Amino acid sequence: MRIAVKLLILVLACATPLGPAAVSMAFDPAEIADWDERRFEGETSYEIVSPDAAGAEHAALRADCRDGTASGRLLEREFDLAAAPILEWRWRVEALYDGLDERSKAGDDYPARVYVVARRWPAFRSRAINYVWSGHQPVGSTWPNAFSEAFVMVAVRSGHERLGEWVTERRDVRADFLRLHDLDLDTVDALAIMTDCDNAGQSTTAFYGPIRWRSVEAE
């Protein structure tokens, strides 16, 4: 299933009533594993592994992508960007995809990605940012998704540098939505992770650690 359909399903999935805004929220890997499953093409395998198996001081959500699968975990909740605009997460990627043009429709697969969705109605007005571990795009580069400019890709990590290592990332989501979508938001509506390989037809393994929202003062 191509990414346009993946993204459409993700946005439409965020059409149910949401809970109250969260001032600050942290999620350990076991909680992330319990987020709603979204299957787009087969099922990427997600499994909680011990700190020893993850090579970290904490347990992790291991994602194994084989045989052209694409599925993820989605949490629908209104997050308070005014109070906690910084998204922090840990991840580790074991293998990249070879020979993909990630700016093309056929190349939109990533070994690890973190989505943030700002819901709008009608759904086509919704906007999202995809923070990705890119195989080829330079760190810091951004580009519109090949299928829809409503979805902006951000190469937070790229290539083989630190491949196989745990990396902690921090993004000012509020600032990113303003810069990339010209939206000054007080809240966003969903958070998701996904490891997909349906376009690439290759295999990878990624690990996701804790994810949390932080205030600027906590930086």
N, C-alpha and C. Protein backbone atom coordinates (compact mmCIF):
# COMPACT_ATOMS: atom_id res chain seq x y z
N MET A 1 0.86 -1.19 0.00
CA MET A 1 0.00 0.00 0.00
C MET A 1 0.89 1.24 0.00
N ARG A 2 0.62 2.17 -0.88
CA ARG A 2 1.47 3.34 -1.00
C ARG A 2 1.23 4.34 0.13
N ILE A 3 2.22 5.25 0.29
CA ILE A 3 2.21 6.12 1.46
C ILE A 3 1.01 7.05 1.49
N ALA A 4 0.47 7.44 0.34
CA ALA A 4 -0.70 8.32 0.35
C ALA A 4 -1.83 7.68 1.12
N VAL A 5 -2.02 6.39 0.94
CA VAL A 5 -3.08 5.69 1.65
C VAL A 5 -2.72 5.55 3.12
N LYS A 6 -1.45 5.27 3.42
CA LYS A 6 -1.01 5.19 4.81
C LYS A 6 -1.33 6.48 5.55
N LEU A 7 -0.97 7.60 4.94
CA LEU A 7 -1.15 8.88 5.60
C LEU A 7 -2.63 9.23 5.73
N LEU A 8 -3.42 8.91 4.71
CA LEU A 8 -4.84 9.19 4.77
C LEU A 8 -5.48 8.41 5.91
N ILE A 9 -5.13 7.12 6.03
CA ILE A 9 -5.68 6.31 7.11
C ILE A 9 -5.26 6.87 8.45
N LEU A 10 -4.02 7.30 8.57
CA LEU A 10 -3.56 7.85 9.83
C LEU A 10 -4.35 9.08 10.22
N VAL A 11 -4.59 9.98 9.28
CA VAL A 11 -5.34 11.20 9.58
C VAL A 11 -6.79 10.89 9.92
N LEU A 12 -7.42 10.03 9.11
CA LEU A 12 -8.81 9.70 9.38
C LEU A 12 -8.95 8.96 10.70
N ALA A 13 -7.90 8.26 11.11
CA ALA A 13 -7.96 7.58 12.40
C ALA A 13 -8.05 8.56 13.54
N CYS A 14 -7.64 9.80 13.31
CA CYS A 14 -7.67 10.82 14.34
C CYS A 14 -8.95 11.64 14.25
N ALA A 15 -10.05 10.98 14.03
CA ALA A 15 -11.32 11.69 13.86
C ALA A 15 -12.29 11.41 14.99
N THR A 16 -11.82 10.70 16.02
CA THR A 16 -12.67 10.39 17.16
C THR A 16 -12.45 11.41 18.26
N PRO A 17 -13.41 11.57 19.19
CA PRO A 17 -13.22 12.53 20.27
C PRO A 17 -11.97 12.22 21.08
N LEU A 18 -11.27 13.27 21.48
CA LEU A 18 -10.02 13.10 22.20
C LEU A 18 -10.19 13.42 23.67
N GLY A 19 -9.26 12.93 24.47
CA GLY A 19 -9.27 13.23 25.89
C GLY A 19 -8.74 14.62 26.15
N PRO A 20 -8.67 15.01 27.41
CA PRO A 20 -8.18 16.34 27.75
C PRO A 20 -6.71 16.50 27.41
N ALA A 21 -6.32 17.75 27.19
CA ALA A 21 -4.93 18.02 26.83
C ALA A 21 -4.00 17.58 27.95
N ALA A 22 -2.85 17.05 27.56
CA ALA A 22 -1.86 16.61 28.53
C ALA A 22 -0.77 17.66 28.65
N VAL A 23 -0.53 18.17 29.85
CA VAL A 23 0.50 19.19 30.05
C VAL A 23 1.87 18.58 29.78
N SER A 24 2.11 17.42 30.31
CA SER A 24 3.36 16.72 30.07
C SER A 24 3.05 15.23 30.14
N MET A 25 3.62 14.47 29.23
CA MET A 25 3.29 13.06 29.19
C MET A 25 4.51 12.27 28.75
N ALA A 26 4.74 11.15 29.43
CA ALA A 26 5.85 10.28 29.08
C ALA A 26 5.32 8.88 28.86
N PHE A 27 5.92 8.17 27.91
CA PHE A 27 5.46 6.84 27.55
C PHE A 27 6.66 5.90 27.48
N ASP A 28 6.61 4.83 28.27
CA ASP A 28 7.67 3.84 28.15
C ASP A 28 7.33 2.88 27.01
N PRO A 29 8.29 2.07 26.57
CA PRO A 29 8.04 1.20 25.41
C PRO A 29 6.84 0.27 25.57
N ALA A 30 6.60 -0.23 26.79
CA ALA A 30 5.45 -1.10 26.99
C ALA A 30 4.15 -0.36 26.73
N GLU A 31 4.09 0.91 27.12
CA GLU A 31 2.90 1.71 26.85
C GLU A 31 2.74 1.96 25.35
N ILE A 32 3.85 2.23 24.67
CA ILE A 32 3.79 2.47 23.22
C ILE A 32 3.30 1.21 22.50
N ALA A 33 3.72 0.05 22.97
CA ALA A 33 3.27 -1.21 22.36
C ALA A 33 1.76 -1.37 22.47
N ASP A 34 1.16 -0.75 23.48
CA ASP A 34 -0.29 -0.85 23.68
C ASP A 34 -1.08 0.24 22.96
N TRP A 35 -0.41 1.15 22.28
CA TRP A 35 -1.15 2.12 21.47
C TRP A 35 -1.92 1.38 20.39
N ASP A 36 -2.90 2.05 19.81
CA ASP A 36 -3.73 1.43 18.78
C ASP A 36 -2.87 0.99 17.59
N GLU A 37 -3.12 -0.23 17.13
CA GLU A 37 -2.40 -0.74 15.98
C GLU A 37 -3.05 -0.22 14.70
N ARG A 38 -2.22 0.18 13.76
CA ARG A 38 -2.70 0.57 12.44
C ARG A 38 -1.95 -0.26 11.39
N ARG A 39 -2.66 -1.16 10.74
CA ARG A 39 -2.06 -2.00 9.70
C ARG A 39 -2.37 -1.41 8.33
N PHE A 40 -1.32 -1.26 7.52
CA PHE A 40 -1.48 -0.70 6.19
C PHE A 40 -1.14 -1.72 5.11
N GLU A 41 -0.15 -2.54 5.38
CA GLU A 41 0.25 -3.59 4.45
C GLU A 41 0.90 -4.69 5.28
N GLY A 42 0.14 -5.74 5.56
CA GLY A 42 0.67 -6.77 6.44
C GLY A 42 0.90 -6.21 7.84
N GLU A 43 1.82 -6.82 8.55
CA GLU A 43 2.04 -6.42 9.94
C GLU A 43 3.52 -6.43 10.27
N THR A 44 4.08 -5.25 10.50
CA THR A 44 5.42 -5.16 11.07
C THR A 44 5.37 -5.75 12.47
N SER A 45 6.36 -6.53 12.82
CA SER A 45 6.38 -7.18 14.13
C SER A 45 6.92 -6.22 15.18
N TYR A 46 6.11 -5.96 16.22
CA TYR A 46 6.54 -5.13 17.34
C TYR A 46 6.56 -6.00 18.60
N GLU A 47 7.67 -5.96 19.31
CA GLU A 47 7.82 -6.82 20.49
C GLU A 47 8.64 -6.10 21.56
N ILE A 48 8.20 -6.16 22.79
CA ILE A 48 8.97 -5.61 23.90
C ILE A 48 10.14 -6.53 24.19
N VAL A 49 11.33 -5.94 24.29
CA VAL A 49 12.53 -6.73 24.60
C VAL A 49 13.21 -6.13 25.83
N SER A 50 13.96 -6.94 26.50
CA SER A 50 14.62 -6.55 27.74
C SER A 50 15.74 -5.56 27.48
N PRO A 51 16.22 -4.88 28.53
CA PRO A 51 17.37 -3.98 28.34
C PRO A 51 18.58 -4.69 27.72
N ASP A 52 18.84 -5.93 28.14
CA ASP A 52 19.98 -6.65 27.58
C ASP A 52 19.79 -6.89 26.08
N ALA A 53 18.58 -7.29 25.68
CA ALA A 53 18.31 -7.55 24.26
C ALA A 53 18.32 -6.26 23.45
N ALA A 54 17.96 -5.15 24.10
CA ALA A 54 17.93 -3.87 23.40
C ALA A 54 19.28 -3.18 23.37
N GLY A 55 20.21 -3.65 24.20
CA GLY A 55 21.50 -2.99 24.29
C GLY A 55 21.39 -1.62 24.90
N ALA A 56 20.51 -1.48 25.90
CA ALA A 56 20.25 -0.18 26.51
C ALA A 56 20.03 -0.37 28.01
N GLU A 57 19.88 0.75 28.69
CA GLU A 57 19.60 0.71 30.12
C GLU A 57 18.11 0.58 30.40
N HIS A 58 17.33 0.46 29.33
CA HIS A 58 15.89 0.35 29.46
C HIS A 58 15.37 -0.70 28.48
N ALA A 59 14.17 -1.19 28.72
CA ALA A 59 13.51 -2.05 27.75
C ALA A 59 13.19 -1.24 26.50
N ALA A 60 12.86 -1.93 25.41
CA ALA A 60 12.59 -1.23 24.15
C ALA A 60 11.51 -1.97 23.37
N LEU A 61 10.91 -1.23 22.45
CA LEU A 61 9.97 -1.82 21.50
C LEU A 61 10.76 -2.13 20.23
N ARG A 62 10.92 -3.41 19.97
CA ARG A 62 11.67 -3.84 18.79
C ARG A 62 10.71 -3.98 17.61
N ALA A 63 11.09 -3.38 16.47
CA ALA A 63 10.28 -3.45 15.25
C ALA A 63 11.06 -4.21 14.19
N ASP A 64 10.52 -5.32 13.74
CA ASP A 64 11.13 -6.11 12.68
C ASP A 64 10.25 -6.01 11.44
N CYS A 65 10.82 -5.47 10.37
CA CYS A 65 10.07 -5.30 9.12
C CYS A 65 10.60 -6.30 8.10
N ARG A 66 9.72 -7.20 7.66
CA ARG A 66 10.08 -8.25 6.71
C ARG A 66 8.94 -8.39 5.70
N ASP A 67 9.27 -8.83 4.52
CA ASP A 67 8.26 -9.23 3.53
C ASP A 67 7.29 -8.11 3.17
N GLY A 68 7.80 -6.88 3.09
CA GLY A 68 6.99 -5.79 2.58
C GLY A 68 5.83 -5.38 3.46
N THR A 69 6.07 -5.24 4.73
CA THR A 69 5.00 -4.89 5.67
C THR A 69 5.02 -3.40 6.01
N ALA A 70 3.90 -2.93 6.54
CA ALA A 70 3.81 -1.54 7.01
C ALA A 70 2.69 -1.47 8.04
N SER A 71 3.07 -1.35 9.29
CA SER A 71 2.09 -1.13 10.35
C SER A 71 2.77 -0.34 11.46
N GLY A 72 1.95 0.31 12.27
CA GLY A 72 2.51 1.16 13.33
C GLY A 72 1.64 1.17 14.56
N ARG A 73 1.99 2.05 15.48
CA ARG A 73 1.25 2.25 16.71
C ARG A 73 0.87 3.73 16.80
N LEU A 74 -0.39 3.99 17.15
CA LEU A 74 -0.94 5.34 17.14
C LEU A 74 -1.63 5.66 18.45
N LEU A 75 -1.33 6.82 19.01
CA LEU A 75 -2.01 7.32 20.21
C LEU A 75 -2.76 8.59 19.86
N GLU A 76 -4.08 8.55 20.02
CA GLU A 76 -4.91 9.73 19.82
C GLU A 76 -5.08 10.44 21.16
N ARG A 77 -4.53 11.63 21.25
CA ARG A 77 -4.66 12.41 22.47
C ARG A 77 -4.28 13.85 22.15
N GLU A 78 -4.92 14.78 22.79
CA GLU A 78 -4.61 16.19 22.59
C GLU A 78 -3.44 16.56 23.50
N PHE A 79 -2.32 16.91 22.88
CA PHE A 79 -1.12 17.27 23.62
C PHE A 79 -0.96 18.79 23.65
N ASP A 80 -0.63 19.31 24.80
CA ASP A 80 -0.56 20.75 25.04
C ASP A 80 0.82 21.27 24.67
N LEU A 81 0.95 21.83 23.48
CA LEU A 81 2.24 22.36 23.04
C LEU A 81 2.62 23.65 23.74
N ALA A 82 1.62 24.39 24.21
CA ALA A 82 1.93 25.63 24.92
C ALA A 82 2.70 25.33 26.20
N ALA A 83 2.38 24.22 26.83
CA ALA A 83 3.06 23.85 28.08
C ALA A 83 4.28 22.97 27.83
N ALA A 84 4.21 22.09 26.84
CA ALA A 84 5.29 21.13 26.62
C ALA A 84 5.48 20.91 25.12
N PRO A 85 6.22 21.80 24.45
CA PRO A 85 6.36 21.71 22.99
C PRO A 85 7.48 20.79 22.51
N ILE A 86 8.32 20.32 23.43
CA ILE A 86 9.49 19.54 23.05
C ILE A 86 9.17 18.05 23.08
N LEU A 87 9.33 17.39 21.96
CA LEU A 87 9.16 15.94 21.90
C LEU A 87 10.56 15.31 21.96
N GLU A 88 10.71 14.40 22.92
CA GLU A 88 11.99 13.70 23.09
C GLU A 88 11.75 12.20 22.95
N TRP A 89 12.61 11.53 22.20
CA TRP A 89 12.50 10.08 22.09
C TRP A 89 13.86 9.46 21.87
N ARG A 90 13.94 8.16 22.11
CA ARG A 90 15.15 7.39 21.85
C ARG A 90 14.83 6.33 20.80
N TRP A 91 15.79 6.13 19.89
CA TRP A 91 15.63 5.08 18.89
C TRP A 91 16.98 4.55 18.46
N ARG A 92 16.91 3.40 17.82
CA ARG A 92 18.11 2.72 17.31
C ARG A 92 17.72 2.00 16.04
N VAL A 93 18.52 2.13 15.00
CA VAL A 93 18.25 1.48 13.71
C VAL A 93 19.41 0.57 13.36
N GLU A 94 19.07 -0.64 12.92
CA GLU A 94 20.09 -1.64 12.63
C GLU A 94 20.48 -1.68 11.16
N ALA A 95 19.57 -1.36 10.24
CA ALA A 95 19.87 -1.47 8.81
C ALA A 95 19.07 -0.44 8.03
N LEU A 96 19.70 0.10 6.99
CA LEU A 96 19.04 1.05 6.09
C LEU A 96 18.56 0.35 4.84
N TYR A 97 17.73 1.04 4.06
CA TYR A 97 17.28 0.52 2.77
C TYR A 97 18.20 1.04 1.67
N ASP A 98 18.57 0.17 0.76
CA ASP A 98 19.47 0.54 -0.34
C ASP A 98 18.68 1.02 -1.54
N GLY A 99 19.23 2.03 -2.23
CA GLY A 99 18.75 2.41 -3.54
C GLY A 99 17.39 3.08 -3.59
N LEU A 100 16.94 3.69 -2.49
CA LEU A 100 15.64 4.35 -2.50
C LEU A 100 15.80 5.86 -2.70
N ASP A 101 14.94 6.43 -3.51
CA ASP A 101 14.80 7.88 -3.59
C ASP A 101 13.64 8.25 -2.67
N GLU A 102 13.96 8.70 -1.49
CA GLU A 102 12.94 8.94 -0.48
C GLU A 102 12.03 10.12 -0.80
N ARG A 103 12.39 10.88 -1.79
CA ARG A 103 11.51 11.98 -2.22
C ARG A 103 10.51 11.53 -3.29
N SER A 104 10.60 10.27 -3.68
CA SER A 104 9.71 9.75 -4.71
C SER A 104 8.59 8.92 -4.10
N LYS A 105 7.55 8.67 -4.89
CA LYS A 105 6.43 7.86 -4.41
C LYS A 105 6.85 6.43 -4.14
N ALA A 106 7.79 5.93 -4.90
CA ALA A 106 8.22 4.54 -4.73
C ALA A 106 9.23 4.37 -3.60
N GLY A 107 9.74 5.48 -3.07
CA GLY A 107 10.83 5.38 -2.11
C GLY A 107 10.49 5.79 -0.70
N ASP A 108 9.21 5.96 -0.41
CA ASP A 108 8.82 6.48 0.90
C ASP A 108 8.69 5.36 1.93
N ASP A 109 9.81 4.79 2.32
CA ASP A 109 9.92 3.83 3.41
C ASP A 109 11.06 4.25 4.32
N TYR A 110 10.88 4.01 5.61
CA TYR A 110 11.90 4.40 6.57
C TYR A 110 12.03 3.33 7.64
N PRO A 111 13.25 3.03 8.06
CA PRO A 111 13.41 2.04 9.12
C PRO A 111 12.81 2.48 10.45
N ALA A 112 12.72 3.79 10.66
CA ALA A 112 12.09 4.31 11.88
C ALA A 112 11.54 5.69 11.60
N ARG A 113 10.35 5.93 12.11
CA ARG A 113 9.74 7.26 11.98
C ARG A 113 8.83 7.52 13.16
N VAL A 114 8.72 8.79 13.50
CA VAL A 114 7.82 9.26 14.55
C VAL A 114 6.93 10.33 13.92
N TYR A 115 5.62 10.14 14.01
CA TYR A 115 4.64 11.07 13.44
C TYR A 115 4.07 11.97 14.53
N VAL A 116 3.80 13.21 14.17
CA VAL A 116 2.94 14.07 14.98
C VAL A 116 1.87 14.63 14.05
N VAL A 117 0.61 14.53 14.47
CA VAL A 117 -0.52 14.92 13.62
C VAL A 117 -1.29 16.07 14.25
N ALA A 118 -1.56 17.09 13.45
CA ALA A 118 -2.47 18.18 13.84
C ALA A 118 -3.75 17.98 13.05
N ARG A 119 -4.80 17.59 13.73
CA ARG A 119 -6.05 17.26 13.06
C ARG A 119 -6.80 18.53 12.67
N ARG A 120 -7.36 18.50 11.48
CA ARG A 120 -8.24 19.56 11.00
C ARG A 120 -9.45 18.91 10.34
N TRP A 121 -10.50 19.65 10.18
CA TRP A 121 -11.67 19.13 9.48
C TRP A 121 -12.08 20.09 8.38
N PRO A 122 -12.32 19.61 7.15
CA PRO A 122 -12.24 18.22 6.70
C PRO A 122 -10.83 17.65 6.82
N ALA A 123 -10.74 16.33 6.72
CA ALA A 123 -9.48 15.64 6.99
C ALA A 123 -8.34 16.09 6.09
N PHE A 124 -8.67 16.51 4.85
CA PHE A 124 -7.59 16.90 3.93
C PHE A 124 -6.86 18.15 4.40
N ARG A 125 -7.44 18.87 5.37
CA ARG A 125 -6.77 20.05 5.91
C ARG A 125 -5.84 19.70 7.07
N SER A 126 -5.85 18.46 7.49
CA SER A 126 -4.95 18.04 8.56
C SER A 126 -3.50 18.14 8.10
N ARG A 127 -2.62 18.29 9.05
CA ARG A 127 -1.20 18.42 8.76
C ARG A 127 -0.41 17.48 9.66
N ALA A 128 0.73 17.02 9.16
CA ALA A 128 1.56 16.11 9.95
C ALA A 128 3.03 16.38 9.67
N ILE A 129 3.83 16.05 10.65
CA ILE A 129 5.29 16.05 10.50
C ILE A 129 5.77 14.63 10.74
N ASN A 130 6.60 14.14 9.85
CA ASN A 130 7.22 12.82 9.97
C ASN A 130 8.70 13.01 10.29
N TYR A 131 9.10 12.68 11.49
CA TYR A 131 10.51 12.70 11.87
C TYR A 131 11.08 11.32 11.53
N VAL A 132 12.07 11.28 10.63
CA VAL A 132 12.52 10.00 10.10
C VAL A 132 14.03 9.81 10.26
N TRP A 133 14.41 8.52 10.30
CA TRP A 133 15.81 8.15 10.14
C TRP A 133 15.96 7.84 8.65
N SER A 134 16.56 8.77 7.94
CA SER A 134 16.67 8.67 6.49
C SER A 134 17.88 7.85 6.08
N GLY A 135 17.74 7.19 4.94
CA GLY A 135 18.89 6.48 4.41
C GLY A 135 19.84 7.37 3.65
N HIS A 136 19.32 8.46 3.06
CA HIS A 136 20.13 9.22 2.11
C HIS A 136 20.03 10.74 2.24
N GLN A 137 18.94 11.26 2.78
CA GLN A 137 18.78 12.71 2.87
C GLN A 137 19.61 13.27 4.02
N PRO A 138 20.22 14.45 3.84
CA PRO A 138 21.08 15.02 4.89
C PRO A 138 20.29 15.32 6.16
N VAL A 139 20.96 15.20 7.28
CA VAL A 139 20.35 15.55 8.56
C VAL A 139 19.91 17.01 8.52
N GLY A 140 18.69 17.26 8.97
CA GLY A 140 18.15 18.62 8.98
C GLY A 140 17.37 18.98 7.74
N SER A 141 17.46 18.16 6.70
CA SER A 141 16.73 18.47 5.47
C SER A 141 15.24 18.17 5.65
N THR A 142 14.42 18.90 4.93
CA THR A 142 12.97 18.70 4.96
C THR A 142 12.46 18.67 3.52
N TRP A 143 11.37 17.94 3.30
CA TRP A 143 10.79 17.88 1.97
C TRP A 143 9.33 17.46 2.07
N PRO A 144 8.50 17.94 1.14
CA PRO A 144 7.11 17.50 1.15
C PRO A 144 7.02 16.04 0.73
N ASN A 145 6.11 15.34 1.35
CA ASN A 145 5.87 13.97 0.93
C ASN A 145 5.52 13.95 -0.55
N ALA A 146 5.98 12.92 -1.25
CA ALA A 146 5.77 12.85 -2.71
C ALA A 146 4.30 12.79 -3.09
N PHE A 147 3.45 12.38 -2.17
CA PHE A 147 2.03 12.27 -2.47
C PHE A 147 1.21 13.46 -2.00
N SER A 148 1.68 14.14 -0.95
CA SER A 148 0.87 15.23 -0.38
C SER A 148 1.76 16.20 0.39
N GLU A 149 1.61 17.48 0.07
CA GLU A 149 2.36 18.51 0.78
C GLU A 149 1.83 18.73 2.20
N ALA A 150 0.71 18.08 2.54
CA ALA A 150 0.20 18.18 3.90
C ALA A 150 1.11 17.46 4.89
N PHE A 151 1.99 16.62 4.38
CA PHE A 151 2.87 15.83 5.22
C PHE A 151 4.32 16.19 4.90
N VAL A 152 5.00 16.73 5.88
CA VAL A 152 6.39 17.16 5.68
C VAL A 152 7.32 16.16 6.36
N MET A 153 8.35 15.77 5.65
CA MET A 153 9.34 14.83 6.15
C MET A 153 10.53 15.61 6.70
N VAL A 154 11.06 15.17 7.81
CA VAL A 154 12.22 15.79 8.43
C VAL A 154 13.25 14.71 8.72
N ALA A 155 14.44 14.85 8.13
CA ALA A 155 15.51 13.89 8.38
C ALA A 155 16.21 14.26 9.69
N VAL A 156 15.76 13.65 10.75
CA VAL A 156 16.36 13.90 12.07
C VAL A 156 17.69 13.18 12.19
N ARG A 157 17.78 12.02 11.57
CA ARG A 157 18.99 11.22 11.56
C ARG A 157 19.16 10.69 10.15
N SER A 158 20.40 10.41 9.72
CA SER A 158 20.59 9.99 8.34
C SER A 158 21.80 9.08 8.20
N GLY A 159 21.66 8.12 7.30
CA GLY A 159 22.79 7.31 6.90
C GLY A 159 23.36 6.42 7.99
N HIS A 160 24.62 6.07 7.80
CA HIS A 160 25.26 5.08 8.67
C HIS A 160 25.85 5.66 9.95
N GLU A 161 25.93 6.98 10.02
CA GLU A 161 26.47 7.56 11.24
C GLU A 161 25.56 7.22 12.42
N ARG A 162 26.12 6.54 13.39
CA ARG A 162 25.44 6.10 14.61
C ARG A 162 24.45 4.97 14.35
N LEU A 163 24.52 4.36 13.17
CA LEU A 163 23.72 3.18 12.91
C LEU A 163 24.09 2.10 13.91
N GLY A 164 23.09 1.44 14.47
CA GLY A 164 23.32 0.42 15.48
C GLY A 164 23.52 0.96 16.88
N GLU A 165 23.42 2.28 17.04
CA GLU A 165 23.57 2.91 18.35
C GLU A 165 22.24 3.52 18.80
N TRP A 166 22.09 3.62 20.11
CA TRP A 166 20.95 4.37 20.64
C TRP A 166 21.22 5.87 20.53
N VAL A 167 20.20 6.60 20.06
CA VAL A 167 20.32 8.04 19.90
C VAL A 167 19.09 8.69 20.55
N THR A 168 19.32 9.76 21.29
CA THR A 168 18.23 10.54 21.85
C THR A 168 17.98 11.76 20.98
N GLU A 169 16.73 11.96 20.59
CA GLU A 169 16.36 13.09 19.74
C GLU A 169 15.43 14.03 20.51
N ARG A 170 15.54 15.31 20.20
CA ARG A 170 14.62 16.32 20.75
C ARG A 170 14.22 17.27 19.63
N ARG A 171 12.92 17.51 19.51
CA ARG A 171 12.40 18.44 18.52
C ARG A 171 11.39 19.38 19.17
N ASP A 172 11.49 20.64 18.80
CA ASP A 172 10.49 21.62 19.21
C ASP A 172 9.35 21.52 18.20
N VAL A 173 8.34 20.74 18.55
CA VAL A 173 7.26 20.44 17.61
C VAL A 173 6.46 21.70 17.26
N ARG A 174 6.24 22.54 18.25
CA ARG A 174 5.49 23.77 17.98
C ARG A 174 6.25 24.64 16.97
N ALA A 175 7.55 24.79 17.16
CA ALA A 175 8.36 25.58 16.22
C ALA A 175 8.40 24.92 14.85
N ASP A 176 8.45 23.58 14.81
CA ASP A 176 8.48 22.89 13.53
C ASP A 176 7.18 23.08 12.76
N PHE A 177 6.03 23.01 13.43
CA PHE A 177 4.77 23.24 12.72
C PHE A 177 4.67 24.67 12.20
N LEU A 178 5.20 25.62 12.95
CA LEU A 178 5.18 27.00 12.49
C LEU A 178 6.09 27.16 11.28
N ARG A 179 7.26 26.58 11.33
CA ARG A 179 8.23 26.72 10.24
C ARG A 179 7.81 25.94 8.99
N LEU A 180 7.30 24.73 9.18
CA LEU A 180 7.04 23.85 8.05
C LEU A 180 5.63 23.93 7.51
N HIS A 181 4.66 24.30 8.37
CA HIS A 181 3.27 24.36 7.95
C HIS A 181 2.64 25.74 8.13
N ASP A 182 3.41 26.70 8.66
CA ASP A 182 2.88 28.03 8.93
C ASP A 182 1.67 27.96 9.86
N LEU A 183 1.75 27.07 10.86
CA LEU A 183 0.69 26.91 11.86
C LEU A 183 1.27 27.16 13.24
N ASP A 184 0.70 28.11 13.96
CA ASP A 184 1.09 28.37 15.33
C ASP A 184 0.10 27.65 16.23
N LEU A 185 0.47 26.47 16.69
CA LEU A 185 -0.46 25.57 17.36
C LEU A 185 -0.28 25.58 18.88
N ASP A 186 -1.38 25.49 19.58
CA ASP A 186 -1.35 25.26 21.02
C ASP A 186 -1.45 23.78 21.35
N THR A 187 -2.00 23.00 20.44
CA THR A 187 -2.14 21.56 20.67
C THR A 187 -1.91 20.79 19.38
N VAL A 188 -1.54 19.52 19.53
CA VAL A 188 -1.58 18.56 18.43
C VAL A 188 -2.41 17.37 18.91
N ASP A 189 -2.77 16.48 17.99
CA ASP A 189 -3.84 15.54 18.28
C ASP A 189 -3.47 14.07 18.24
N ALA A 190 -2.29 13.73 17.79
CA ALA A 190 -1.93 12.31 17.76
C ALA A 190 -0.42 12.17 17.63
N LEU A 191 0.04 11.04 18.12
CA LEU A 191 1.45 10.68 18.09
C LEU A 191 1.54 9.24 17.62
N ALA A 192 2.51 8.94 16.75
CA ALA A 192 2.60 7.58 16.21
C ALA A 192 4.05 7.22 15.92
N ILE A 193 4.30 5.92 15.88
CA ILE A 193 5.60 5.41 15.43
C ILE A 193 5.33 4.36 14.35
N MET A 194 6.28 4.22 13.44
CA MET A 194 6.13 3.18 12.41
C MET A 194 7.46 2.83 11.80
N THR A 195 7.64 1.55 11.54
CA THR A 195 8.72 1.00 10.74
C THR A 195 8.08 0.29 9.56
N ASP A 196 8.36 0.74 8.34
CA ASP A 196 7.69 0.18 7.16
C ASP A 196 8.70 -0.18 6.09
N CYS A 197 8.37 -1.22 5.33
CA CYS A 197 9.25 -1.68 4.26
C CYS A 197 8.46 -2.19 3.06
N ASP A 198 7.22 -1.73 2.92
CA ASP A 198 6.38 -2.25 1.84
C ASP A 198 6.81 -1.75 0.46
N ASN A 199 7.33 -0.55 0.37
CA ASN A 199 7.84 -0.05 -0.91
C ASN A 199 9.24 -0.59 -1.18
N ALA A 200 10.08 -0.62 -0.15
CA ALA A 200 11.47 -1.01 -0.32
C ALA A 200 11.61 -2.50 -0.66
N GLY A 201 10.74 -3.32 -0.08
CA GLY A 201 10.89 -4.76 -0.28
C GLY A 201 12.15 -5.29 0.35
N GLN A 202 12.67 -4.57 1.35
CA GLN A 202 13.88 -4.97 2.05
C GLN A 202 13.54 -5.17 3.52
N SER A 203 14.53 -5.53 4.32
CA SER A 203 14.30 -5.83 5.72
C SER A 203 15.09 -4.89 6.61
N THR A 204 14.55 -4.64 7.79
CA THR A 204 15.27 -3.85 8.77
C THR A 204 14.76 -4.18 10.16
N THR A 205 15.53 -3.77 11.15
CA THR A 205 15.13 -3.85 12.55
C THR A 205 15.41 -2.51 13.19
N ALA A 206 14.46 -2.02 13.95
CA ALA A 206 14.62 -0.77 14.69
C ALA A 206 14.13 -0.98 16.12
N PHE A 207 14.60 -0.12 17.01
CA PHE A 207 14.17 -0.16 18.40
C PHE A 207 13.68 1.24 18.78
N TYR A 208 12.58 1.28 19.51
CA TYR A 208 12.05 2.53 20.04
C TYR A 208 12.12 2.48 21.57
N GLY A 209 12.69 3.55 22.14
CA GLY A 209 12.74 3.67 23.59
C GLY A 209 11.64 4.59 24.09
N PRO A 210 11.82 5.17 25.27
CA PRO A 210 10.79 6.06 25.83
C PRO A 210 10.57 7.29 24.96
N ILE A 211 9.34 7.76 24.97
CA ILE A 211 8.95 9.00 24.30
C ILE A 211 8.30 9.90 25.33
N ARG A 212 8.65 11.17 25.32
CA ARG A 212 8.00 12.08 26.27
C ARG A 212 7.95 13.49 25.72
N TRP A 213 6.96 14.24 26.24
CA TRP A 213 6.84 15.66 25.98
C TRP A 213 7.50 16.42 27.11
N ARG A 214 8.21 17.51 26.77
CA ARG A 214 8.92 18.29 27.78
C ARG A 214 8.64 19.77 27.58
N SER A 215 8.74 20.50 28.67
CA SER A 215 8.63 21.96 28.59
C SER A 215 9.96 22.52 28.13
N VAL A 216 9.94 23.76 27.65
CA VAL A 216 11.18 24.42 27.25
C VAL A 216 12.11 24.56 28.44
N GLU A 217 11.53 24.83 29.62
CA GLU A 217 12.35 25.02 30.82
C GLU A 217 13.11 23.76 31.20
N ALA A 218 12.61 22.60 30.77
CA ALA A 218 13.26 21.33 31.11
C ALA A 218 14.47 21.06 30.22
N GLU A 219 14.63 21.86 29.17
CA GLU A 219 15.74 21.63 28.25
C GLU A 219 17.09 21.86 28.93
